[in-house]
Amino acid sequence: QVRLVDTGGGMVQPGGSLKLSCAASGRTFNLDHMAWFRQAPGQERESVARIKWITSSQYYADSVKGRFTLSRDSAKNTVYLQMNSLKPEDTAVYYCAATYSSKIEETSYEFWGQGTQVTVSF
């Protein structure tokens, strides 16, 4: 089992920045991917970014490419999501997720954080 604790959300004005953290504990040595998803009110959850643990290769959704950046601290089993140039449409609950599988579908992620709210508004 893997426990994920995602933190760092808050309220920020458009154009501002936030940095989310996802700390993993437990049986982390076999993890294949860690990822961030988000869910806005009334909308389906969507993939934002993911990182492959062994190779550090990364994927970003088109909507965040160039604005969001993943990084990781392997010693702390922590993944970070630096979010810059935030827009009102980035408002959502952001969830960290992890999987032992190489599959990238949302349903493949066995472990989820509790979610952290990001609100972008004046």
C-alpha atoms as a PDB file:
ATOM      1  CA  GLN A   1       0.000   0.000   0.000  1.00  0.00           C
ATOM      2  CA  VAL A   2       1.007   3.567  -0.652  1.00  0.00           C
ATOM      3  CA  ARG A   3      -0.202   6.602   1.234  1.00  0.00           C
ATOM      4  CA  LEU A   4      -0.278   9.956  -0.548  1.00  0.00           C
ATOM      5  CA  VAL A   5      -0.571  13.317   1.130  1.00  0.00           C
ATOM      6  CA  ASP A   6      -1.120  16.236  -1.214  1.00  0.00           C
ATOM      7  CA  THR A   7      -0.762  19.783   0.055  1.00  0.00           C
ATOM      8  CA  GLY A   8      -0.117  23.310  -1.121  1.00  0.00           C
ATOM      9  CA  GLY A   9      -3.433  24.487  -2.471  1.00  0.00           C
ATOM     10  CA  GLY A  10      -4.885  27.868  -1.761  1.00  0.00           C
ATOM     11  CA  MET A  11      -6.344  30.981  -3.296  1.00  0.00           C
ATOM     12  CA  VAL A  12      -4.367  33.095  -5.703  1.00  0.00           C
ATOM     13  CA  GLN A  13      -5.075  35.874  -8.170  1.00  0.00           C
ATOM     14  CA  PRO A  14      -4.891  35.257 -11.909  1.00  0.00           C
ATOM     15  CA  GLY A  15      -1.285  35.283 -13.034  1.00  0.00           C
ATOM     16  CA  GLY A  16      -0.095  34.058  -9.668  1.00  0.00           C
ATOM     17  CA  SER A  17       1.708  30.875  -8.688  1.00  0.00           C
ATOM     18  CA  LEU A  18       1.261  27.939  -6.352  1.00  0.00           C
ATOM     19  CA  LYS A  19       3.343  24.857  -5.672  1.00  0.00           C
ATOM     20  CA  LEU A  20       1.637  21.595  -4.815  1.00  0.00           C
ATOM     21  CA  SER A  21       3.406  18.761  -3.020  1.00  0.00           C
ATOM     22  CA  CYS A  22       2.622  15.057  -2.971  1.00  0.00           C
ATOM     23  CA  ALA A  23       4.440  13.004  -0.367  1.00  0.00           C
ATOM     24  CA  ALA A  24       4.314   9.241  -0.798  1.00  0.00           C
ATOM     25  CA  SER A  25       4.948   6.693   1.936  1.00  0.00           C
ATOM     26  CA  GLY A  26       4.682   2.941   2.236  1.00  0.00           C
ATOM     27  CA  ARG A  27       5.596   0.541  -0.568  1.00  0.00           C
ATOM     28  CA  THR A  28       6.852   3.196  -2.962  1.00  0.00           C
ATOM     29  CA  PHE A  29       9.772   1.308  -4.495  1.00  0.00           C
ATOM     30  CA  ASN A  30       7.627  -0.349  -7.184  1.00  0.00           C
ATOM     31  CA  LEU A  31       5.750   2.746  -8.280  1.00  0.00           C
ATOM     32  CA  ASP A  32       5.709   3.335 -12.013  1.00  0.00           C
ATOM     33  CA  HIS A  33       3.947   6.696 -12.294  1.00  0.00           C
ATOM     34  CA  MET A  34       2.893   9.520 -10.090  1.00  0.00           C
ATOM     35  CA  ALA A  35       0.456  12.047 -11.442  1.00  0.00           C
ATOM     36  CA  TRP A  36      -1.723  15.043 -10.761  1.00  0.00           C
ATOM     37  CA  PHE A  37      -5.383  15.136 -11.697  1.00  0.00           C
ATOM     38  CA  ARG A  38      -7.914  17.889 -11.123  1.00  0.00           C
ATOM     39  CA  GLN A  39     -11.660  18.154 -10.900  1.00  0.00           C
ATOM     40  CA  ALA A  40     -13.563  21.391 -11.270  1.00  0.00           C
ATOM     41  CA  PRO A  41     -17.152  21.728 -10.013  1.00  0.00           C
ATOM     42  CA  GLY A  42     -19.573  19.983 -12.339  1.00  0.00           C
ATOM     43  CA  GLN A  43     -16.807  18.562 -14.487  1.00  0.00           C
ATOM     44  CA  GLU A  44     -15.096  15.220 -14.823  1.00  0.00           C
ATOM     45  CA  ARG A  45     -11.701  14.648 -13.309  1.00  0.00           C
ATOM     46  CA  GLU A  46      -8.915  15.243 -15.825  1.00  0.00           C
ATOM     47  CA  SER A  47      -5.252  14.422 -16.043  1.00  0.00           C
ATOM     48  CA  VAL A  48      -2.936  17.389 -15.552  1.00  0.00           C
ATOM     49  CA  ALA A  49       0.583  15.966 -15.489  1.00  0.00           C
ATOM     50  CA  ARG A  50       2.450  12.770 -14.716  1.00  0.00           C
ATOM     51  CA  ILE A  51       5.987  11.591 -14.188  1.00  0.00           C
ATOM     52  CA  LYS A  52       7.428   8.143 -14.716  1.00  0.00           C
ATOM     53  CA  TRP A  53       9.364   7.286 -11.598  1.00  0.00           C
ATOM     54  CA  ILE A  54      12.294   5.412 -13.176  1.00  0.00           C
ATOM     55  CA  THR A  55      12.984   7.609 -16.194  1.00  0.00           C
ATOM     56  CA  SER A  56      11.507  10.921 -14.957  1.00  0.00           C
ATOM     57  CA  SER A  57       9.824  11.327 -18.332  1.00  0.00           C
ATOM     58  CA  GLN A  58       6.909  13.714 -18.035  1.00  0.00           C
ATOM     59  CA  TYR A  59       3.565  14.407 -19.626  1.00  0.00           C
ATOM     60  CA  TYR A  60       1.509  17.598 -19.457  1.00  0.00           C
ATOM     61  CA  ALA A  61      -2.025  18.294 -20.598  1.00  0.00           C
ATOM     62  CA  ASP A  62      -2.158  20.880 -23.366  1.00  0.00           C
ATOM     63  CA  SER A  63      -4.092  23.233 -21.110  1.00  0.00           C
ATOM     64  CA  VAL A  64      -1.161  23.516 -18.662  1.00  0.00           C
ATOM     65  CA  LYS A  65       1.849  22.989 -20.917  1.00  0.00           C
ATOM     66  CA  GLY A  66       4.377  25.783 -20.491  1.00  0.00           C
ATOM     67  CA  ARG A  67       2.798  26.938 -17.221  1.00  0.00           C
ATOM     68  CA  PHE A  68       3.013  23.884 -14.931  1.00  0.00           C
ATOM     69  CA  THR A  69       6.208  22.004 -14.134  1.00  0.00           C
ATOM     70  CA  LEU A  70       6.734  18.715 -12.339  1.00  0.00           C
ATOM     71  CA  SER A  71       9.741  17.966 -10.199  1.00  0.00           C
ATOM     72  CA  ARG A  72      10.598  15.260  -7.728  1.00  0.00           C
ATOM     73  CA  ASP A  73      12.722  14.608  -4.695  1.00  0.00           C
ATOM     74  CA  SER A  74      13.449  10.894  -4.775  1.00  0.00           C
ATOM     75  CA  ALA A  75      14.957  10.881  -1.304  1.00  0.00           C
ATOM     76  CA  LYS A  76      11.712  12.250   0.115  1.00  0.00           C
ATOM     77  CA  ASN A  77       9.422  10.310  -2.268  1.00  0.00           C
ATOM     78  CA  THR A  78       7.816  13.613  -3.057  1.00  0.00           C
ATOM     79  CA  VAL A  79       6.562  15.051  -6.328  1.00  0.00           C
ATOM     80  CA  TYR A  80       5.934  18.746  -6.779  1.00  0.00           C
ATOM     81  CA  LEU A  81       3.725  20.609  -9.237  1.00  0.00           C
ATOM     82  CA  GLN A  82       4.823  24.202  -9.761  1.00  0.00           C
ATOM     83  CA  MET A  83       1.908  26.128 -11.220  1.00  0.00           C
ATOM     84  CA  ASN A  84       2.645  29.505 -12.777  1.00  0.00           C
ATOM     85  CA  SER A  85       0.532  31.998 -14.712  1.00  0.00           C
ATOM     86  CA  LEU A  86      -2.569  30.576 -13.110  1.00  0.00           C
ATOM     87  CA  LYS A  87      -5.916  31.215 -14.749  1.00  0.00           C
ATOM     88  CA  PRO A  88      -9.446  31.132 -13.324  1.00  0.00           C
ATOM     89  CA  GLU A  89     -10.064  27.964 -15.340  1.00  0.00           C
ATOM     90  CA  ASP A  90      -7.351  26.233 -13.305  1.00  0.00           C
ATOM     91  CA  THR A  91      -9.676  26.383 -10.297  1.00  0.00           C
ATOM     92  CA  ALA A  92     -10.286  22.819  -9.144  1.00  0.00           C
ATOM     93  CA  VAL A  93      -9.510  20.241  -6.507  1.00  0.00           C
ATOM     94  CA  TYR A  94      -6.126  18.794  -7.379  1.00  0.00           C
ATOM     95  CA  TYR A  95      -5.416  15.157  -6.578  1.00  0.00           C
ATOM     96  CA  CYS A  96      -2.127  13.354  -6.466  1.00  0.00           C
ATOM     97  CA  ALA A  97      -2.210   9.748  -7.664  1.00  0.00           C
ATOM     98  CA  ALA A  98       0.218   6.868  -7.985  1.00  0.00           C
ATOM     99  CA  THR A  99       0.261   3.502  -9.667  1.00  0.00           C
ATOM    100  CA  TYR A 100       2.374   0.366  -9.879  1.00  0.00           C
ATOM    101  CA  SER A 101       1.092  -0.099 -13.424  1.00  0.00           C
ATOM    102  CA  SER A 102       2.657   1.253 -16.604  1.00  0.00           C
ATOM    103  CA  LYS A 103      -0.819   2.072 -17.873  1.00  0.00           C
ATOM    104  CA  ILE A 104      -1.740   5.736 -17.823  1.00  0.00           C
ATOM    105  CA  GLU A 105      -5.520   5.570 -17.720  1.00  0.00           C
ATOM    106  CA  GLU A 106      -7.087   7.176 -14.670  1.00  0.00           C
ATOM    107  CA  THR A 107      -8.551   3.839 -13.650  1.00  0.00           C
ATOM    108  CA  SER A 108      -5.046   2.389 -13.400  1.00  0.00           C
ATOM    109  CA  TYR A 109      -4.112   4.596 -10.453  1.00  0.00           C
ATOM    110  CA  GLU A 110      -4.522   2.583  -7.267  1.00  0.00           C
ATOM    111  CA  PHE A 111      -3.565   5.255  -4.773  1.00  0.00           C
ATOM    112  CA  TRP A 112      -4.961   8.755  -4.359  1.00  0.00           C
ATOM    113  CA  GLY A 113      -4.356  11.713  -2.129  1.00  0.00           C
ATOM    114  CA  GLN A 114      -7.183  13.481  -0.350  1.00  0.00           C
ATOM    115  CA  GLY A 115      -7.120  16.445  -2.713  1.00  0.00           C
ATOM    116  CA  THR A 116      -6.166  20.073  -2.267  1.00  0.00           C
ATOM    117  CA  GLN A 117      -8.268  23.025  -3.413  1.00  0.00           C
ATOM    118  CA  VAL A 118      -6.814  25.548  -5.834  1.00  0.00           C
ATOM    119  CA  THR A 119      -8.846  28.683  -6.416  1.00  0.00           C
ATOM    120  CA  VAL A 120      -7.796  31.326  -8.927  1.00  0.00           C
ATOM    121  CA  SER A 121      -9.844  34.474  -8.577  1.00  0.00           C
ATOM    122  CA  PHE A 122      -9.621  38.212  -8.044  1.00  0.00           C
END
